[in-house]
Amino acid sequence: MPFDTALTRMLGIDIPVISAPMAGVAGGKLAAAVTGGGGLGLIGGGYPDPAVIEHEFGEAGNAVVGIGFITWALAKNPAALDVALAHSPKAIFLSFADIAPFVAQAKSSGATLIAQVQTVGQARAVADAGADMIVAQGTEAGGHGAARATLPLVPAVVDAVGSIPVLAGGGIADGRGLAAALALGAAGALVGSAFVAAEESLASANGKQRLATGSGDDTAKGSEFDLLRGIDWPDGYQIRTMDTPFFKSLRDAPPSTDAEVQAAKAAFDAAREKDDMSVATVIAGEAADMINAIEPASAILQRMANEAEAILRSRPGLSD
């Protein structure tokens, strides 16, 4: 049973899944692999560096891919959008700040503009600003997010934005999650953590293994990761990662002086160099329980599609 949703029709894809544009994880090879598997892959533009963007589009080769940006970071380096648009991305994905300054430029390029939100109020705002598609991201997601859960947020956003297609994001890592997203009225899903463990992702070897052997119970949200990387995120957002003894110690006794912060950063940087997952970490969401192996992205995507199709066959109409 082929999928037929607003997402598949709008983007011309076979499987209603977009891979999350995870900074430092979603490079061109992963994006190309997801597209090759039937979804749409997004490069993580993150805290944009034009040279990195050029490199990752090169890694994607001739594959049709998109790119995502952390919007408040893009506002500090707007020329990065010019660099991305020169590669004719299929979609531009914006999250975590006002999208209005970038709407006209993104849409005039012919790219589909996807806006990620964490509240119903944000959904109404991006709809008014001109988003072509909206991702309702629940707190279960790996990486940065806010407080609302996916299950009630998705239908609330669907109801709030009328005919604009909505994707579900946060806690979706297998076909059951994809089928559930469609049942909630979404046109598909944004999937992140499952692709962190893909062979093509830029996550470290031990980071992938930690995710594949971990549980959602092992994840935690906090600001430690941003502190250690020296990134000042806006209020209201925290980052979910696999928890570590080191991160727990920082929560129990936060560094209170510059010297303590610098010592913690030095320990963290050294652990990342060694791929030591007792100190360093990997971005992961609560769906980690469904991630049990390091596999090609196409295999992850096809299994998700097959599982969802099997569920939808017994419940006709959920994929309309």
C-alpha atoms as a PDB file:
ATOM      1  CA  MET A   1       0.000   0.000   0.000  1.00  0.00           C
ATOM      2  CA  PRO A   2       1.777   3.174  -1.123  1.00  0.00           C
ATOM      3  CA  PHE A   3       1.702   6.186   1.165  1.00  0.00           C
ATOM      4  CA  ASP A   4      -0.315   9.131  -0.102  1.00  0.00           C
ATOM      5  CA  THR A   5      -0.166  12.135   2.208  1.00  0.00           C
ATOM      6  CA  ALA A   6       0.225  15.869   1.811  1.00  0.00           C
ATOM      7  CA  LEU A   7       3.930  15.393   2.586  1.00  0.00           C
ATOM      8  CA  THR A   8       4.563  12.750  -0.069  1.00  0.00           C
ATOM      9  CA  ARG A   9       2.621  14.753  -2.645  1.00  0.00           C
ATOM     10  CA  MET A  10       4.235  18.096  -1.838  1.00  0.00           C
ATOM     11  CA  LEU A  11       7.809  16.799  -1.874  1.00  0.00           C
ATOM     12  CA  GLY A  12       7.417  13.955  -4.370  1.00  0.00           C
ATOM     13  CA  ILE A  13       8.680  11.287  -1.976  1.00  0.00           C
ATOM     14  CA  ASP A  14       7.517   7.727  -1.344  1.00  0.00           C
ATOM     15  CA  ILE A  15       7.747   7.510   2.445  1.00  0.00           C
ATOM     16  CA  PRO A  16       6.328  10.330   4.605  1.00  0.00           C
ATOM     17  CA  VAL A  17       9.513  10.817   6.605  1.00  0.00           C
ATOM     18  CA  ILE A  18      12.003  13.671   6.732  1.00  0.00           C
ATOM     19  CA  SER A  19      15.276  13.240   8.585  1.00  0.00           C
ATOM     20  CA  ALA A  20      15.961  15.900  11.190  1.00  0.00           C
ATOM     21  CA  PRO A  21      18.678  18.434  10.335  1.00  0.00           C
ATOM     22  CA  MET A  22      20.770  17.631  13.402  1.00  0.00           C
ATOM     23  CA  ALA A  23      23.795  19.902  13.763  1.00  0.00           C
ATOM     24  CA  GLY A  24      27.047  17.954  13.652  1.00  0.00           C
ATOM     25  CA  VAL A  25      25.235  14.691  12.892  1.00  0.00           C
ATOM     26  CA  ALA A  26      23.181  15.118   9.721  1.00  0.00           C
ATOM     27  CA  GLY A  27      25.726  15.610   6.972  1.00  0.00           C
ATOM     28  CA  GLY A  28      25.364  15.279   3.243  1.00  0.00           C
ATOM     29  CA  LYS A  29      25.921  11.521   3.182  1.00  0.00           C
ATOM     30  CA  LEU A  30      23.113  10.894   5.663  1.00  0.00           C
ATOM     31  CA  ALA A  31      20.759  13.283   3.882  1.00  0.00           C
ATOM     32  CA  ALA A  32      21.471  11.621   0.541  1.00  0.00           C
ATOM     33  CA  ALA A  33      20.926   8.159   2.029  1.00  0.00           C
ATOM     34  CA  VAL A  34      17.537   9.127   3.467  1.00  0.00           C
ATOM     35  CA  THR A  35      16.458  10.595   0.145  1.00  0.00           C
ATOM     36  CA  GLY A  36      17.733   7.506  -1.647  1.00  0.00           C
ATOM     37  CA  GLY A  37      15.655   5.373   0.704  1.00  0.00           C
ATOM     38  CA  GLY A  38      12.422   7.139  -0.207  1.00  0.00           C
ATOM     39  CA  GLY A  39      12.176  10.017   2.271  1.00  0.00           C
ATOM     40  CA  LEU A  40      13.747  13.462   2.236  1.00  0.00           C
ATOM     41  CA  GLY A  41      17.101  13.988   3.902  1.00  0.00           C
ATOM     42  CA  LEU A  42      18.062  17.292   5.476  1.00  0.00           C
ATOM     43  CA  ILE A  43      21.587  18.537   6.091  1.00  0.00           C
ATOM     44  CA  GLY A  44      22.102  20.058   9.531  1.00  0.00           C
ATOM     45  CA  GLY A  45      23.084  23.685   8.980  1.00  0.00           C
ATOM     46  CA  GLY A  46      23.203  24.228  12.734  1.00  0.00           C
ATOM     47  CA  TYR A  47      25.317  27.179  13.811  1.00  0.00           C
ATOM     48  CA  PRO A  48      25.996  27.973  10.194  1.00  0.00           C
ATOM     49  CA  ASP A  49      29.467  27.848   8.725  1.00  0.00           C
ATOM     50  CA  PRO A  50      29.393  28.484   4.963  1.00  0.00           C
ATOM     51  CA  ALA A  51      32.435  26.265   4.395  1.00  0.00           C
ATOM     52  CA  VAL A  52      30.772  23.355   6.192  1.00  0.00           C
ATOM     53  CA  ILE A  53      27.560  23.885   4.237  1.00  0.00           C
ATOM     54  CA  GLU A  54      29.490  23.777   0.960  1.00  0.00           C
ATOM     55  CA  HIS A  55      31.269  20.606   2.043  1.00  0.00           C
ATOM     56  CA  GLU A  56      28.111  18.780   3.091  1.00  0.00           C
ATOM     57  CA  PHE A  57      26.242  19.614  -0.091  1.00  0.00           C
ATOM     58  CA  GLY A  58      29.260  18.195  -1.888  1.00  0.00           C
ATOM     59  CA  GLU A  59      28.979  15.039   0.207  1.00  0.00           C
ATOM     60  CA  ALA A  60      25.332  14.720  -0.863  1.00  0.00           C
ATOM     61  CA  GLY A  61      26.385  14.525  -4.504  1.00  0.00           C
ATOM     62  CA  ASN A  62      23.476  14.744  -6.912  1.00  0.00           C
ATOM     63  CA  ALA A  63      20.865  13.675  -4.355  1.00  0.00           C
ATOM     64  CA  VAL A  64      17.834  15.885  -3.817  1.00  0.00           C
ATOM     65  CA  VAL A  65      18.199  17.109  -0.236  1.00  0.00           C
ATOM     66  CA  GLY A  66      17.220  20.009   1.983  1.00  0.00           C
ATOM     67  CA  ILE A  67      18.920  21.880   4.790  1.00  0.00           C
ATOM     68  CA  GLY A  68      17.852  23.019   8.232  1.00  0.00           C
ATOM     69  CA  PHE A  69      18.984  25.964  10.316  1.00  0.00           C
ATOM     70  CA  ILE A  70      18.756  27.024  13.946  1.00  0.00           C
ATOM     71  CA  THR A  71      16.990  30.260  13.133  1.00  0.00           C
ATOM     72  CA  TRP A  72      18.467  32.485  15.843  1.00  0.00           C
ATOM     73  CA  ALA A  73      21.949  31.353  14.777  1.00  0.00           C
ATOM     74  CA  LEU A  74      21.154  31.959  11.109  1.00  0.00           C
ATOM     75  CA  ALA A  75      20.126  35.508  12.018  1.00  0.00           C
ATOM     76  CA  LYS A  76      23.718  36.088  13.148  1.00  0.00           C
ATOM     77  CA  ASN A  77      25.103  34.809   9.829  1.00  0.00           C
ATOM     78  CA  PRO A  78      22.354  35.266   7.221  1.00  0.00           C
ATOM     79  CA  ALA A  79      24.787  34.866   4.328  1.00  0.00           C
ATOM     80  CA  ALA A  80      24.736  31.138   5.101  1.00  0.00           C
ATOM     81  CA  LEU A  81      21.257  30.970   3.588  1.00  0.00           C
ATOM     82  CA  ASP A  82      22.624  32.361   0.324  1.00  0.00           C
ATOM     83  CA  VAL A  83      25.250  29.613   0.303  1.00  0.00           C
ATOM     84  CA  ALA A  84      22.604  26.948   0.877  1.00  0.00           C
ATOM     85  CA  LEU A  85      20.193  28.295  -1.726  1.00  0.00           C
ATOM     86  CA  ALA A  86      22.938  28.244  -4.347  1.00  0.00           C
ATOM     87  CA  HIS A  87      22.646  24.438  -4.157  1.00  0.00           C
ATOM     88  CA  SER A  88      18.888  24.471  -4.918  1.00  0.00           C
ATOM     89  CA  PRO A  89      17.750  22.573  -1.806  1.00  0.00           C
ATOM     90  CA  LYS A  90      14.371  20.880  -1.959  1.00  0.00           C
ATOM     91  CA  ALA A  91      13.438  22.309   1.431  1.00  0.00           C
ATOM     92  CA  ILE A  92      14.581  24.917   3.934  1.00  0.00           C
ATOM     93  CA  PHE A  93      13.855  23.997   7.553  1.00  0.00           C
ATOM     94  CA  LEU A  94      13.831  26.687  10.265  1.00  0.00           C
ATOM     95  CA  SER A  95      13.397  26.265  14.010  1.00  0.00           C
ATOM     96  CA  PHE A  96      13.831  28.082  17.329  1.00  0.00           C
ATOM     97  CA  ALA A  97      13.165  31.736  16.433  1.00  0.00           C
ATOM     98  CA  ASP A  98      11.153  34.072  14.228  1.00  0.00           C
ATOM     99  CA  ILE A  99      11.190  32.788  10.653  1.00  0.00           C
ATOM    100  CA  ALA A 100       9.783  35.984   9.124  1.00  0.00           C
ATOM    101  CA  PRO A 101      13.127  37.528   8.045  1.00  0.00           C
ATOM    102  CA  PHE A 102      13.893  34.482   5.887  1.00  0.00           C
ATOM    103  CA  VAL A 103      10.513  33.536   4.424  1.00  0.00           C
ATOM    104  CA  ALA A 104      10.586  35.547   1.208  1.00  0.00           C
ATOM    105  CA  GLN A 105      14.135  34.548   0.281  1.00  0.00           C
ATOM    106  CA  ALA A 106      13.572  30.868   1.012  1.00  0.00           C
ATOM    107  CA  LYS A 107      10.275  30.627  -0.851  1.00  0.00           C
ATOM    108  CA  SER A 108      11.389  32.672  -3.843  1.00  0.00           C
ATOM    109  CA  SER A 109      14.073  30.042  -4.442  1.00  0.00           C
ATOM    110  CA  GLY A 110      11.421  27.397  -5.004  1.00  0.00           C
ATOM    111  CA  ALA A 111      12.299  25.515  -1.816  1.00  0.00           C
ATOM    112  CA  THR A 112       9.544  24.217   0.438  1.00  0.00           C
ATOM    113  CA  LEU A 113       9.692  26.171   3.701  1.00  0.00           C
ATOM    114  CA  ILE A 114       9.325  23.949   6.750  1.00  0.00           C
ATOM    115  CA  ALA A 115       9.028  25.563  10.188  1.00  0.00           C
ATOM    116  CA  GLN A 116       9.407  23.613  13.416  1.00  0.00           C
ATOM    117  CA  VAL A 117       7.427  24.730  16.460  1.00  0.00           C
ATOM    118  CA  GLN A 118       7.058  23.668  20.057  1.00  0.00           C
ATOM    119  CA  THR A 119       3.746  25.364  20.936  1.00  0.00           C
ATOM    120  CA  VAL A 120       0.388  26.022  19.317  1.00  0.00           C
ATOM    121  CA  GLY A 121       1.030  29.754  19.479  1.00  0.00           C
ATOM    122  CA  GLN A 122       4.256  29.332  17.529  1.00  0.00           C
ATOM    123  CA  ALA A 123       2.385  27.227  14.971  1.00  0.00           C
ATOM    124  CA  ARG A 124      -0.108  30.007  14.341  1.00  0.00           C
ATOM    125  CA  ALA A 125       2.744  32.510  14.012  1.00  0.00           C
ATOM    126  CA  VAL A 126       4.681  30.515  11.411  1.00  0.00           C
ATOM    127  CA  ALA A 127       1.462  29.789   9.518  1.00  0.00           C
ATOM    128  CA  ASP A 128       0.803  33.523   9.326  1.00  0.00           C
ATOM    129  CA  ALA A 129       4.430  34.122   8.282  1.00  0.00           C
ATOM    130  CA  GLY A 130       4.092  31.815   5.280  1.00  0.00           C
ATOM    131  CA  ALA A 131       5.406  28.374   6.241  1.00  0.00           C
ATOM    132  CA  ASP A 132       4.534  25.706   3.680  1.00  0.00           C
ATOM    133  CA  MET A 133       4.751  22.917   6.239  1.00  0.00           C
ATOM    134  CA  ILE A 134       4.966  22.810  10.040  1.00  0.00           C
ATOM    135  CA  VAL A 135       6.691  20.331  12.352  1.00  0.00           C
ATOM    136  CA  ALA A 136       5.097  20.003  15.786  1.00  0.00           C
ATOM    137  CA  GLN A 137       8.028  18.955  17.973  1.00  0.00           C
ATOM    138  CA  GLY A 138       7.377  17.278  21.299  1.00  0.00           C
ATOM    139  CA  THR A 139       9.661  17.275  24.308  1.00  0.00           C
ATOM    140  CA  GLU A 140      10.504  13.596  23.702  1.00  0.00           C
ATOM    141  CA  ALA A 141      12.789  14.630  20.855  1.00  0.00           C
ATOM    142  CA  GLY A 142      16.537  14.416  21.063  1.00  0.00           C
ATOM    143  CA  GLY A 143      18.398  17.685  20.782  1.00  0.00           C
ATOM    144  CA  HIS A 144      16.876  21.014  21.689  1.00  0.00           C
ATOM    145  CA  GLY A 145      13.201  21.313  22.450  1.00  0.00           C
ATOM    146  CA  ALA A 146      10.659  22.699  24.858  1.00  0.00           C
ATOM    147  CA  ALA A 147       8.039  21.300  27.213  1.00  0.00           C
ATOM    148  CA  ARG A 148       4.961  19.984  25.391  1.00  0.00           C
ATOM    149  CA  ALA A 149       4.589  16.299  24.533  1.00  0.00           C
ATOM    150  CA  THR A 150       4.159  15.036  20.980  1.00  0.00           C
ATOM    151  CA  LEU A 151       0.872  13.152  21.429  1.00  0.00           C
ATOM    152  CA  PRO A 152      -1.304  16.149  22.430  1.00  0.00           C
ATOM    153  CA  LEU A 153       0.718  18.799  20.587  1.00  0.00           C
ATOM    154  CA  VAL A 154       0.394  17.333  17.086  1.00  0.00           C
ATOM    155  CA  PRO A 155      -3.427  17.284  16.829  1.00  0.00           C
ATOM    156  CA  ALA A 156      -3.600  20.680  18.515  1.00  0.00           C
ATOM    157  CA  VAL A 157      -1.308  22.128  15.842  1.00  0.00           C
ATOM    158  CA  VAL A 158      -3.235  20.318  13.085  1.00  0.00           C
ATOM    159  CA  ASP A 159      -6.433  21.946  14.333  1.00  0.00           C
ATOM    160  CA  ALA A 160      -4.779  25.369  14.631  1.00  0.00           C
ATOM    161  CA  VAL A 161      -3.231  25.747  11.168  1.00  0.00           C
ATOM    162  CA  GLY A 162      -5.966  24.599   8.823  1.00  0.00           C
ATOM    163  CA  SER A 163      -4.788  23.253   5.485  1.00  0.00           C
ATOM    164  CA  ILE A 164      -1.040  23.577   6.130  1.00  0.00           C
ATOM    165  CA  PRO A 165       0.490  20.083   6.380  1.00  0.00           C
ATOM    166  CA  VAL A 166       1.811  19.198   9.828  1.00  0.00           C
ATOM    167  CA  LEU A 167       4.544  16.691  10.629  1.00  0.00           C
ATOM    168  CA  ALA A 168       5.022  15.035  14.005  1.00  0.00           C
ATOM    169  CA  GLY A 169       8.447  15.212  15.607  1.00  0.00           C
ATOM    170  CA  GLY A 170       9.727  13.777  18.874  1.00  0.00           C
ATOM    171  CA  GLY A 171       9.691  10.155  19.991  1.00  0.00           C
ATOM    172  CA  ILE A 172       9.217   8.613  16.535  1.00  0.00           C
ATOM    173  CA  ALA A 173      11.760   5.944  15.629  1.00  0.00           C
ATOM    174  CA  ASP A 174       9.812   3.059  14.116  1.00  0.00           C
ATOM    175  CA  GLY A 175       6.734   2.264  12.061  1.00  0.00           C
ATOM    176  CA  ARG A 176       4.435   2.328  15.062  1.00  0.00           C
ATOM    177  CA  GLY A 177       5.404   5.931  15.670  1.00  0.00           C
ATOM    178  CA  LEU A 178       4.931   6.828  12.013  1.00  0.00           C
ATOM    179  CA  ALA A 179       1.491   5.212  11.928  1.00  0.00           C
ATOM    180  CA  ALA A 180       0.566   7.003  15.147  1.00  0.00           C
ATOM    181  CA  ALA A 181       1.639  10.322  13.645  1.00  0.00           C
ATOM    182  CA  LEU A 182      -0.663   9.743  10.678  1.00  0.00           C
ATOM    183  CA  ALA A 183      -3.494   8.777  13.010  1.00  0.00           C
ATOM    184  CA  LEU A 184      -3.066  12.095  14.823  1.00  0.00           C
ATOM    185  CA  GLY A 185      -3.684  13.916  11.568  1.00  0.00           C
ATOM    186  CA  ALA A 186      -0.067  14.554  10.648  1.00  0.00           C
ATOM    187  CA  ALA A 187       1.095  14.197   7.051  1.00  0.00           C
ATOM    188  CA  GLY A 188       4.248  12.398   8.140  1.00  0.00           C
ATOM    189  CA  ALA A 189       7.083  12.473  10.619  1.00  0.00           C
ATOM    190  CA  LEU A 190      10.365  14.194  11.316  1.00  0.00           C
ATOM    191  CA  VAL A 191      12.786  11.528  12.539  1.00  0.00           C
ATOM    192  CA  GLY A 192      16.063  12.288  14.276  1.00  0.00           C
ATOM    193  CA  SER A 193      17.433   9.821  16.812  1.00  0.00           C
ATOM    194  CA  ALA A 194      16.920   6.751  14.631  1.00  0.00           C
ATOM    195  CA  PHE A 195      19.207   8.309  12.042  1.00  0.00           C
ATOM    196  CA  VAL A 196      21.851   9.303  14.590  1.00  0.00           C
ATOM    197  CA  ALA A 197      22.626   5.576  14.698  1.00  0.00           C
ATOM    198  CA  ALA A 198      22.752   5.290  10.908  1.00  0.00           C
ATOM    199  CA  GLU A 199      26.012   4.226   9.327  1.00  0.00           C
ATOM    200  CA  GLU A 200      26.061   7.464   7.335  1.00  0.00           C
ATOM    201  CA  SER A 201      25.617   9.847  10.270  1.00  0.00           C
ATOM    202  CA  LEU A 202      28.454  12.007  11.567  1.00  0.00           C
ATOM    203  CA  ALA A 203      27.974  10.828  15.157  1.00  0.00           C
ATOM    204  CA  SER A 204      31.007   9.129  16.667  1.00  0.00           C
ATOM    205  CA  ALA A 205      31.361   5.348  16.717  1.00  0.00           C
ATOM    206  CA  ASN A 206      30.921   5.104  20.487  1.00  0.00           C
ATOM    207  CA  GLY A 207      28.099   7.630  20.396  1.00  0.00           C
ATOM    208  CA  LYS A 208      26.185   5.472  17.933  1.00  0.00           C
ATOM    209  CA  GLN A 209      26.858   2.391  20.050  1.00  0.00           C
ATOM    210  CA  ARG A 210      25.696   4.191  23.202  1.00  0.00           C
ATOM    211  CA  LEU A 211      22.443   5.070  21.478  1.00  0.00           C
ATOM    212  CA  ALA A 212      21.932   1.574  20.055  1.00  0.00           C
ATOM    213  CA  THR A 213      22.365  -0.009  23.491  1.00  0.00           C
ATOM    214  CA  GLY A 214      20.602   2.666  25.515  1.00  0.00           C
ATOM    215  CA  SER A 215      17.072   3.479  26.590  1.00  0.00           C
ATOM    216  CA  GLY A 216      14.893   6.523  26.731  1.00  0.00           C
ATOM    217  CA  ASP A 217      15.271   6.129  30.487  1.00  0.00           C
ATOM    218  CA  ASP A 218      18.937   7.010  30.003  1.00  0.00           C
ATOM    219  CA  THR A 219      18.221  10.396  28.418  1.00  0.00           C
ATOM    220  CA  ALA A 220      17.969  13.707  30.214  1.00  0.00           C
ATOM    221  CA  LYS A 221      17.263  17.320  29.317  1.00  0.00           C
ATOM    222  CA  GLY A 222      19.457  20.107  30.568  1.00  0.00           C
ATOM    223  CA  SER A 223      21.841  22.888  29.654  1.00  0.00           C
ATOM    224  CA  GLU A 224      25.123  21.129  30.447  1.00  0.00           C
ATOM    225  CA  PHE A 225      25.913  20.244  26.829  1.00  0.00           C
ATOM    226  CA  ASP A 226      25.485  23.859  25.734  1.00  0.00           C
ATOM    227  CA  LEU A 227      27.557  25.133  28.657  1.00  0.00           C
ATOM    228  CA  LEU A 228      30.398  22.790  27.746  1.00  0.00           C
ATOM    229  CA  ARG A 229      30.271  23.817  24.087  1.00  0.00           C
ATOM    230  CA  GLY A 230      30.073  27.512  24.931  1.00  0.00           C
ATOM    231  CA  ILE A 231      26.748  27.992  23.139  1.00  0.00           C
ATOM    232  CA  ASP A 232      24.269  30.422  24.678  1.00  0.00           C
ATOM    233  CA  TRP A 233      20.772  29.199  23.824  1.00  0.00           C
ATOM    234  CA  PRO A 234      17.625  31.321  24.326  1.00  0.00           C
ATOM    235  CA  ASP A 235      15.529  30.762  27.416  1.00  0.00           C
ATOM    236  CA  GLY A 236      12.876  28.071  27.167  1.00  0.00           C
ATOM    237  CA  TYR A 237      14.936  25.450  25.355  1.00  0.00           C
ATOM    238  CA  GLN A 238      17.010  22.608  26.756  1.00  0.00           C
ATOM    239  CA  ILE A 239      18.829  19.798  25.004  1.00  0.00           C
ATOM    240  CA  ARG A 240      18.071  16.087  25.419  1.00  0.00           C
ATOM    241  CA  THR A 241      21.055  13.740  25.254  1.00  0.00           C
ATOM    242  CA  MET A 242      22.128  10.433  26.679  1.00  0.00           C
ATOM    243  CA  ASP A 243      22.908  11.207  30.294  1.00  0.00           C
ATOM    244  CA  THR A 244      26.405  10.639  31.656  1.00  0.00           C
ATOM    245  CA  PRO A 245      27.969  10.557  35.126  1.00  0.00           C
ATOM    246  CA  PHE A 246      29.810  13.739  34.193  1.00  0.00           C
ATOM    247  CA  PHE A 247      26.627  15.566  33.218  1.00  0.00           C
ATOM    248  CA  LYS A 248      24.917  14.389  36.403  1.00  0.00           C
ATOM    249  CA  SER A 249      27.798  15.781  38.451  1.00  0.00           C
ATOM    250  CA  LEU A 250      27.417  19.149  36.735  1.00  0.00           C
ATOM    251  CA  ARG A 251      23.709  19.231  37.535  1.00  0.00           C
ATOM    252  CA  ASP A 252      24.348  18.293  41.164  1.00  0.00           C
ATOM    253  CA  ALA A 253      27.106  20.885  41.556  1.00  0.00           C
ATOM    254  CA  PRO A 254      27.016  23.422  38.704  1.00  0.00           C
ATOM    255  CA  PRO A 255      30.328  25.174  38.072  1.00  0.00           C
ATOM    256  CA  SER A 256      30.141  28.554  39.772  1.00  0.00           C
ATOM    257  CA  THR A 257      33.368  30.204  38.658  1.00  0.00           C
ATOM    258  CA  ASP A 258      35.007  30.766  35.312  1.00  0.00           C
ATOM    259  CA  ALA A 259      37.848  28.482  36.345  1.00  0.00           C
ATOM    260  CA  GLU A 260      35.400  25.673  37.109  1.00  0.00           C
ATOM    261  CA  VAL A 261      33.644  26.171  33.773  1.00  0.00           C
ATOM    262  CA  GLN A 262      36.935  26.072  31.894  1.00  0.00           C
ATOM    263  CA  ALA A 263      38.016  22.917  33.740  1.00  0.00           C
ATOM    264  CA  ALA A 264      34.722  21.225  32.857  1.00  0.00           C
ATOM    265  CA  LYS A 265      35.084  22.272  29.210  1.00  0.00           C
ATOM    266  CA  ALA A 266      38.627  20.907  29.090  1.00  0.00           C
ATOM    267  CA  ALA A 267      37.503  17.551  30.503  1.00  0.00           C
ATOM    268  CA  PHE A 268      34.622  17.409  28.039  1.00  0.00           C
ATOM    269  CA  ASP A 269      36.786  18.299  25.039  1.00  0.00           C
ATOM    270  CA  ALA A 270      39.332  15.645  26.006  1.00  0.00           C
ATOM    271  CA  ALA A 271      36.570  13.042  26.313  1.00  0.00           C
ATOM    272  CA  ARG A 272      35.200  13.924  22.889  1.00  0.00           C
ATOM    273  CA  GLU A 273      38.653  13.443  21.404  1.00  0.00           C
ATOM    274  CA  LYS A 274      38.799   9.977  22.994  1.00  0.00           C
ATOM    275  CA  ASP A 275      35.126   9.206  22.215  1.00  0.00           C
ATOM    276  CA  ASP A 276      34.629   8.549  25.938  1.00  0.00           C
ATOM    277  CA  MET A 277      30.885   8.294  26.483  1.00  0.00           C
ATOM    278  CA  SER A 278      31.159   8.427  30.279  1.00  0.00           C
ATOM    279  CA  VAL A 279      31.964  12.132  29.929  1.00  0.00           C
ATOM    280  CA  ALA A 280      31.036  13.074  26.369  1.00  0.00           C
ATOM    281  CA  THR A 281      27.569  12.256  25.081  1.00  0.00           C
ATOM    282  CA  VAL A 282      25.345  11.806  22.056  1.00  0.00           C
ATOM    283  CA  ILE A 283      22.097  13.565  21.211  1.00  0.00           C
ATOM    284  CA  ALA A 284      19.225  11.126  21.703  1.00  0.00           C
ATOM    285  CA  GLY A 285      15.502  11.229  22.295  1.00  0.00           C
ATOM    286  CA  GLU A 286      13.132   9.122  24.359  1.00  0.00           C
ATOM    287  CA  ALA A 287      12.656   6.745  21.412  1.00  0.00           C
ATOM    288  CA  ALA A 288      16.123   5.319  22.067  1.00  0.00           C
ATOM    289  CA  ASP A 289      14.516   2.039  23.184  1.00  0.00           C
ATOM    290  CA  MET A 290      13.498   1.376  19.574  1.00  0.00           C
ATOM    291  CA  ILE A 291      17.047   1.867  18.262  1.00  0.00           C
ATOM    292  CA  ASN A 292      18.985  -1.362  18.618  1.00  0.00           C
ATOM    293  CA  ALA A 293      21.596  -1.451  15.871  1.00  0.00           C
ATOM    294  CA  ILE A 294      23.851   0.651  13.680  1.00  0.00           C
ATOM    295  CA  GLU A 295      22.443   0.260  10.169  1.00  0.00           C
ATOM    296  CA  PRO A 296      22.276   1.989   6.798  1.00  0.00           C
ATOM    297  CA  ALA A 297      19.758   4.821   6.779  1.00  0.00           C
ATOM    298  CA  SER A 298      17.856   3.147   3.948  1.00  0.00           C
ATOM    299  CA  ALA A 299      17.316   0.029   6.067  1.00  0.00           C
ATOM    300  CA  ILE A 300      16.047   2.094   8.998  1.00  0.00           C
ATOM    301  CA  LEU A 301      13.656   3.962   6.729  1.00  0.00           C
ATOM    302  CA  GLN A 302      12.375   0.906   4.869  1.00  0.00           C
ATOM    303  CA  ARG A 303      11.671  -0.995   8.074  1.00  0.00           C
ATOM    304  CA  MET A 304       9.796   2.011   9.421  1.00  0.00           C
ATOM    305  CA  ALA A 305       7.729   2.176   6.242  1.00  0.00           C
ATOM    306  CA  ASN A 306       6.996  -1.558   6.241  1.00  0.00           C
ATOM    307  CA  GLU A 307       5.895  -1.512   9.880  1.00  0.00           C
ATOM    308  CA  ALA A 308       3.684   1.509   9.343  1.00  0.00           C
ATOM    309  CA  GLU A 309       2.113   0.002   6.224  1.00  0.00           C
ATOM    310  CA  ALA A 310       1.292  -3.210   8.090  1.00  0.00           C
ATOM    311  CA  ILE A 311      -0.506  -1.201  10.764  1.00  0.00           C
ATOM    312  CA  LEU A 312      -2.300   1.029   8.282  1.00  0.00           C
ATOM    313  CA  ARG A 313      -3.566  -1.938   6.254  1.00  0.00           C
ATOM    314  CA  SER A 314      -5.578  -2.995   9.266  1.00  0.00           C
ATOM    315  CA  ARG A 315      -6.817   0.559   9.838  1.00  0.00           C
ATOM    316  CA  PRO A 316      -7.756   1.957   6.401  1.00  0.00           C
ATOM    317  CA  GLY A 317      -7.888   5.699   5.997  1.00  0.00           C
ATOM    318  CA  LEU A 318      -5.112   6.680   8.395  1.00  0.00           C
ATOM    319  CA  SER A 319      -2.717   7.581   5.575  1.00  0.00           C
ATOM    320  CA  ASP A 320      -5.182   9.671   3.551  1.00  0.00           C
END
